[in-house]
């Protein structure tokens, strides 16, 4: 069922790192006075600091969304997968560990030999949703099947 081309559609669930950093931005300077803010953040103008951090946060989120939209997987029945990230391509060997996990072993590129495991949240004729975990961070990304 996974064979074929899948294209990145959207991030279904925000990366946990983004949720944590958004919380930090939202609460920045909320419990302090000017003296405390100066000591902690080297400024008394916490609103400007928060605004600048929010712009960087939003930009990073947009970059992640663009990366998802530029990602395609071409799964072949011989357990090979061609992965395109828009700016680079890799080839990996894939297999299911069980019905709920997909493992890819990179055959080309900088990560040659490295393995990545993803939880398969959804796999239907038209939708593939994968949960990527790395250290304390995760993202759930939905892919659509290319009908070509």
C-alpha atoms as a PDB file:
ATOM      1  CA  UNK A   1       0.000   0.000   0.000  1.00  0.00           C
ATOM      2  CA  UNK A   2       2.919   2.377   0.597  1.00  0.00           C
ATOM      3  CA  UNK A   3       4.404   1.923  -2.892  1.00  0.00           C
ATOM      4  CA  UNK A   4       4.236   5.033  -5.063  1.00  0.00           C
ATOM      5  CA  UNK A   5       5.024   8.736  -4.806  1.00  0.00           C
ATOM      6  CA  UNK A   6       4.004  10.714  -1.742  1.00  0.00           C
ATOM      7  CA  UNK A   7       4.296  14.493  -1.443  1.00  0.00           C
ATOM      8  CA  UNK A   8       4.473  16.558   1.728  1.00  0.00           C
ATOM      9  CA  UNK A   9       1.085  18.095   2.422  1.00  0.00           C
ATOM     10  CA  UNK A  10       1.232  19.649   5.881  1.00  0.00           C
ATOM     11  CA  UNK A  11       2.455  19.481   9.436  1.00  0.00           C
ATOM     12  CA  UNK A  12      -0.467  18.036  11.312  1.00  0.00           C
ATOM     13  CA  UNK A  13       1.023  18.654  14.725  1.00  0.00           C
ATOM     14  CA  UNK A  14       3.545  21.324  15.539  1.00  0.00           C
ATOM     15  CA  UNK A  15       6.989  20.190  16.478  1.00  0.00           C
ATOM     16  CA  UNK A  16       7.206  19.967  20.273  1.00  0.00           C
ATOM     17  CA  UNK A  17      10.243  22.285  20.168  1.00  0.00           C
ATOM     18  CA  UNK A  18       8.069  24.963  18.514  1.00  0.00           C
ATOM     19  CA  UNK A  19       5.365  24.566  21.154  1.00  0.00           C
ATOM     20  CA  UNK A  20       7.926  24.982  23.930  1.00  0.00           C
ATOM     21  CA  UNK A  21       9.587  28.025  22.346  1.00  0.00           C
ATOM     22  CA  UNK A  22       6.184  29.650  21.711  1.00  0.00           C
ATOM     23  CA  UNK A  23       5.343  29.205  25.379  1.00  0.00           C
ATOM     24  CA  UNK A  24       8.668  30.813  26.341  1.00  0.00           C
ATOM     25  CA  UNK A  25       7.984  33.791  24.058  1.00  0.00           C
ATOM     26  CA  UNK A  26       4.431  34.176  25.365  1.00  0.00           C
ATOM     27  CA  UNK A  27       5.563  34.267  28.994  1.00  0.00           C
ATOM     28  CA  UNK A  28       8.768  36.286  28.486  1.00  0.00           C
ATOM     29  CA  UNK A  29       8.986  39.079  31.037  1.00  0.00           C
ATOM     30  CA  UNK A  30       5.480  38.422  32.313  1.00  0.00           C
ATOM     31  CA  UNK A  31       6.426  38.099  35.957  1.00  0.00           C
ATOM     32  CA  UNK A  32       9.087  40.751  36.257  1.00  0.00           C
ATOM     33  CA  UNK A  33       9.489  44.458  36.672  1.00  0.00           C
ATOM     34  CA  UNK A  34      11.898  46.708  34.756  1.00  0.00           C
ATOM     35  CA  UNK A  35      14.834  45.917  37.085  1.00  0.00           C
ATOM     36  CA  UNK A  36      14.256  42.161  36.858  1.00  0.00           C
ATOM     37  CA  UNK A  37      13.884  42.331  33.072  1.00  0.00           C
ATOM     38  CA  UNK A  38      17.124  44.304  32.797  1.00  0.00           C
ATOM     39  CA  UNK A  39      18.932  41.708  34.906  1.00  0.00           C
ATOM     40  CA  UNK A  40      17.495  38.691  33.078  1.00  0.00           C
ATOM     41  CA  UNK A  41      17.246  39.922  29.499  1.00  0.00           C
ATOM     42  CA  UNK A  42      19.621  42.939  29.444  1.00  0.00           C
ATOM     43  CA  UNK A  43      16.696  45.170  28.424  1.00  0.00           C
ATOM     44  CA  UNK A  44      13.671  46.774  29.997  1.00  0.00           C
ATOM     45  CA  UNK A  45      11.840  46.795  26.663  1.00  0.00           C
ATOM     46  CA  UNK A  46      10.597  43.198  26.839  1.00  0.00           C
ATOM     47  CA  UNK A  47       7.868  43.861  24.258  1.00  0.00           C
ATOM     48  CA  UNK A  48      10.464  44.579  21.546  1.00  0.00           C
ATOM     49  CA  UNK A  49      12.495  41.541  22.583  1.00  0.00           C
ATOM     50  CA  UNK A  50       9.359  39.369  22.486  1.00  0.00           C
ATOM     51  CA  UNK A  51       8.438  40.776  19.045  1.00  0.00           C
ATOM     52  CA  UNK A  52      11.913  39.997  17.637  1.00  0.00           C
ATOM     53  CA  UNK A  53      11.859  36.477  19.046  1.00  0.00           C
ATOM     54  CA  UNK A  54       8.358  35.943  17.630  1.00  0.00           C
ATOM     55  CA  UNK A  55       9.555  36.968  14.152  1.00  0.00           C
ATOM     56  CA  UNK A  56      12.433  34.458  14.355  1.00  0.00           C
ATOM     57  CA  UNK A  57      10.080  31.748  15.648  1.00  0.00           C
ATOM     58  CA  UNK A  58       7.544  32.359  12.865  1.00  0.00           C
ATOM     59  CA  UNK A  59      10.307  32.351  10.248  1.00  0.00           C
ATOM     60  CA  UNK A  60      11.624  28.994  11.508  1.00  0.00           C
ATOM     61  CA  UNK A  61       8.094  27.554  11.403  1.00  0.00           C
ATOM     62  CA  UNK A  62       7.643  28.790   7.830  1.00  0.00           C
ATOM     63  CA  UNK A  63      10.955  27.193   6.821  1.00  0.00           C
ATOM     64  CA  UNK A  64       9.836  23.889   8.327  1.00  0.00           C
ATOM     65  CA  UNK A  65       6.507  24.086   6.473  1.00  0.00           C
ATOM     66  CA  UNK A  66       8.336  24.847   3.192  1.00  0.00           C
ATOM     67  CA  UNK A  67      10.617  21.860   3.786  1.00  0.00           C
ATOM     68  CA  UNK A  68       7.572  19.616   4.223  1.00  0.00           C
ATOM     69  CA  UNK A  69       5.951  20.939   1.036  1.00  0.00           C
ATOM     70  CA  UNK A  70       9.180  20.269  -0.892  1.00  0.00           C
ATOM     71  CA  UNK A  71       9.572  16.685   0.348  1.00  0.00           C
ATOM     72  CA  UNK A  72       8.588  13.665  -1.710  1.00  0.00           C
ATOM     73  CA  UNK A  73       9.000   9.956  -1.086  1.00  0.00           C
ATOM     74  CA  UNK A  74       9.024   7.499  -3.989  1.00  0.00           C
ATOM     75  CA  UNK A  75       8.543   4.073  -2.416  1.00  0.00           C
ATOM     76  CA  UNK A  76       9.346   1.141  -4.687  1.00  0.00           C
ATOM     77  CA  UNK A  77       8.251  -2.472  -4.218  1.00  0.00           C
ATOM     78  CA  UNK A  78      11.909  -3.582  -4.035  1.00  0.00           C
ATOM     79  CA  UNK A  79      12.200  -1.797  -0.642  1.00  0.00           C
ATOM     80  CA  UNK A  80      14.012   1.197  -2.109  1.00  0.00           C
ATOM     81  CA  UNK A  81      12.832   4.752  -1.558  1.00  0.00           C
ATOM     82  CA  UNK A  82      13.979   7.896  -3.345  1.00  0.00           C
ATOM     83  CA  UNK A  83      13.621  10.922  -1.100  1.00  0.00           C
ATOM     84  CA  UNK A  84      13.662  14.458  -2.437  1.00  0.00           C
ATOM     85  CA  UNK A  85      13.872  17.463  -0.151  1.00  0.00           C
ATOM     86  CA  UNK A  86      13.678  19.954  -2.998  1.00  0.00           C
ATOM     87  CA  UNK A  87      17.338  20.921  -2.674  1.00  0.00           C
ATOM     88  CA  UNK A  88      18.797  17.418  -2.412  1.00  0.00           C
ATOM     89  CA  UNK A  89      17.904  13.805  -2.997  1.00  0.00           C
ATOM     90  CA  UNK A  90      18.803  10.624  -1.152  1.00  0.00           C
ATOM     91  CA  UNK A  91      18.170   6.948  -1.620  1.00  0.00           C
ATOM     92  CA  UNK A  92      17.286   4.680   1.265  1.00  0.00           C
ATOM     93  CA  UNK A  93      16.218   1.125   1.905  1.00  0.00           C
ATOM     94  CA  UNK A  94      12.890   0.870   3.712  1.00  0.00           C
ATOM     95  CA  UNK A  95      10.978  -1.766   5.636  1.00  0.00           C
ATOM     96  CA  UNK A  96       8.242  -1.982   8.218  1.00  0.00           C
ATOM     97  CA  UNK A  97       9.377  -3.022  11.671  1.00  0.00           C
ATOM     98  CA  UNK A  98       5.756  -3.770  12.473  1.00  0.00           C
ATOM     99  CA  UNK A  99       2.485  -2.302  11.244  1.00  0.00           C
ATOM    100  CA  UNK A 100       3.193   0.893  13.184  1.00  0.00           C
ATOM    101  CA  UNK A 101       6.848   1.699  12.423  1.00  0.00           C
ATOM    102  CA  UNK A 102       8.731   2.419   9.225  1.00  0.00           C
ATOM    103  CA  UNK A 103      12.533   2.250   9.180  1.00  0.00           C
ATOM    104  CA  UNK A 104      14.741   3.756   6.500  1.00  0.00           C
ATOM    105  CA  UNK A 105      18.477   3.130   6.126  1.00  0.00           C
ATOM    106  CA  UNK A 106      20.206   5.834   4.121  1.00  0.00           C
ATOM    107  CA  UNK A 107      22.250   4.468   1.222  1.00  0.00           C
ATOM    108  CA  UNK A 108      23.507   7.755  -0.243  1.00  0.00           C
ATOM    109  CA  UNK A 109      24.246  11.238   1.026  1.00  0.00           C
ATOM    110  CA  UNK A 110      25.956  12.531   4.142  1.00  0.00           C
ATOM    111  CA  UNK A 111      24.067  10.186   6.450  1.00  0.00           C
ATOM    112  CA  UNK A 112      25.008   7.027   4.586  1.00  0.00           C
ATOM    113  CA  UNK A 113      24.309   4.025   6.799  1.00  0.00           C
ATOM    114  CA  UNK A 114      22.198   5.959   9.302  1.00  0.00           C
ATOM    115  CA  UNK A 115      18.752   4.671  10.225  1.00  0.00           C
ATOM    116  CA  UNK A 116      15.624   6.608  11.014  1.00  0.00           C
ATOM    117  CA  UNK A 117      12.463   5.166  12.475  1.00  0.00           C
ATOM    118  CA  UNK A 118       9.095   6.836  12.113  1.00  0.00           C
ATOM    119  CA  UNK A 119       5.756   5.937  13.617  1.00  0.00           C
ATOM    120  CA  UNK A 120       3.092   5.303  10.984  1.00  0.00           C
ATOM    121  CA  UNK A 121       0.075   7.199  12.288  1.00  0.00           C
ATOM    122  CA  UNK A 122      -2.063   6.739   9.153  1.00  0.00           C
ATOM    123  CA  UNK A 123      -1.624   4.739   5.952  1.00  0.00           C
ATOM    124  CA  UNK A 124      -4.526   4.690   3.509  1.00  0.00           C
ATOM    125  CA  UNK A 125      -4.756   4.776  -0.277  1.00  0.00           C
ATOM    126  CA  UNK A 126      -4.447   8.579  -0.236  1.00  0.00           C
ATOM    127  CA  UNK A 127      -2.868   9.603   3.091  1.00  0.00           C
ATOM    128  CA  UNK A 128       0.395   8.752   4.819  1.00  0.00           C
ATOM    129  CA  UNK A 129       0.987  10.374   8.193  1.00  0.00           C
ATOM    130  CA  UNK A 130       4.363   9.863   9.865  1.00  0.00           C
ATOM    131  CA  UNK A 131       5.557  10.921  13.298  1.00  0.00           C
ATOM    132  CA  UNK A 132       9.246  11.841  13.329  1.00  0.00           C
ATOM    133  CA  UNK A 133      11.040  11.882  16.686  1.00  0.00           C
ATOM    134  CA  UNK A 134      14.502  13.222  17.382  1.00  0.00           C
ATOM    135  CA  UNK A 135      15.743  13.521  20.955  1.00  0.00           C
ATOM    136  CA  UNK A 136      13.064  15.536  22.802  1.00  0.00           C
ATOM    137  CA  UNK A 137      11.452  16.879  19.631  1.00  0.00           C
ATOM    138  CA  UNK A 138       8.818  15.470  17.305  1.00  0.00           C
ATOM    139  CA  UNK A 139       6.693  16.399  14.308  1.00  0.00           C
ATOM    140  CA  UNK A 140       3.738  14.674  12.713  1.00  0.00           C
ATOM    141  CA  UNK A 141       3.694  15.190   8.942  1.00  0.00           C
ATOM    142  CA  UNK A 142       0.971  14.227   6.492  1.00  0.00           C
ATOM    143  CA  UNK A 143       1.774  13.206   2.927  1.00  0.00           C
ATOM    144  CA  UNK A 144      -0.641  12.844   0.022  1.00  0.00           C
ATOM    145  CA  UNK A 145      -0.352  10.265  -2.723  1.00  0.00           C
ATOM    146  CA  UNK A 146       0.670  11.571  -6.127  1.00  0.00           C
ATOM    147  CA  UNK A 147      -2.088  10.410  -8.481  1.00  0.00           C
ATOM    148  CA  UNK A 148       0.103  10.697 -11.630  1.00  0.00           C
END
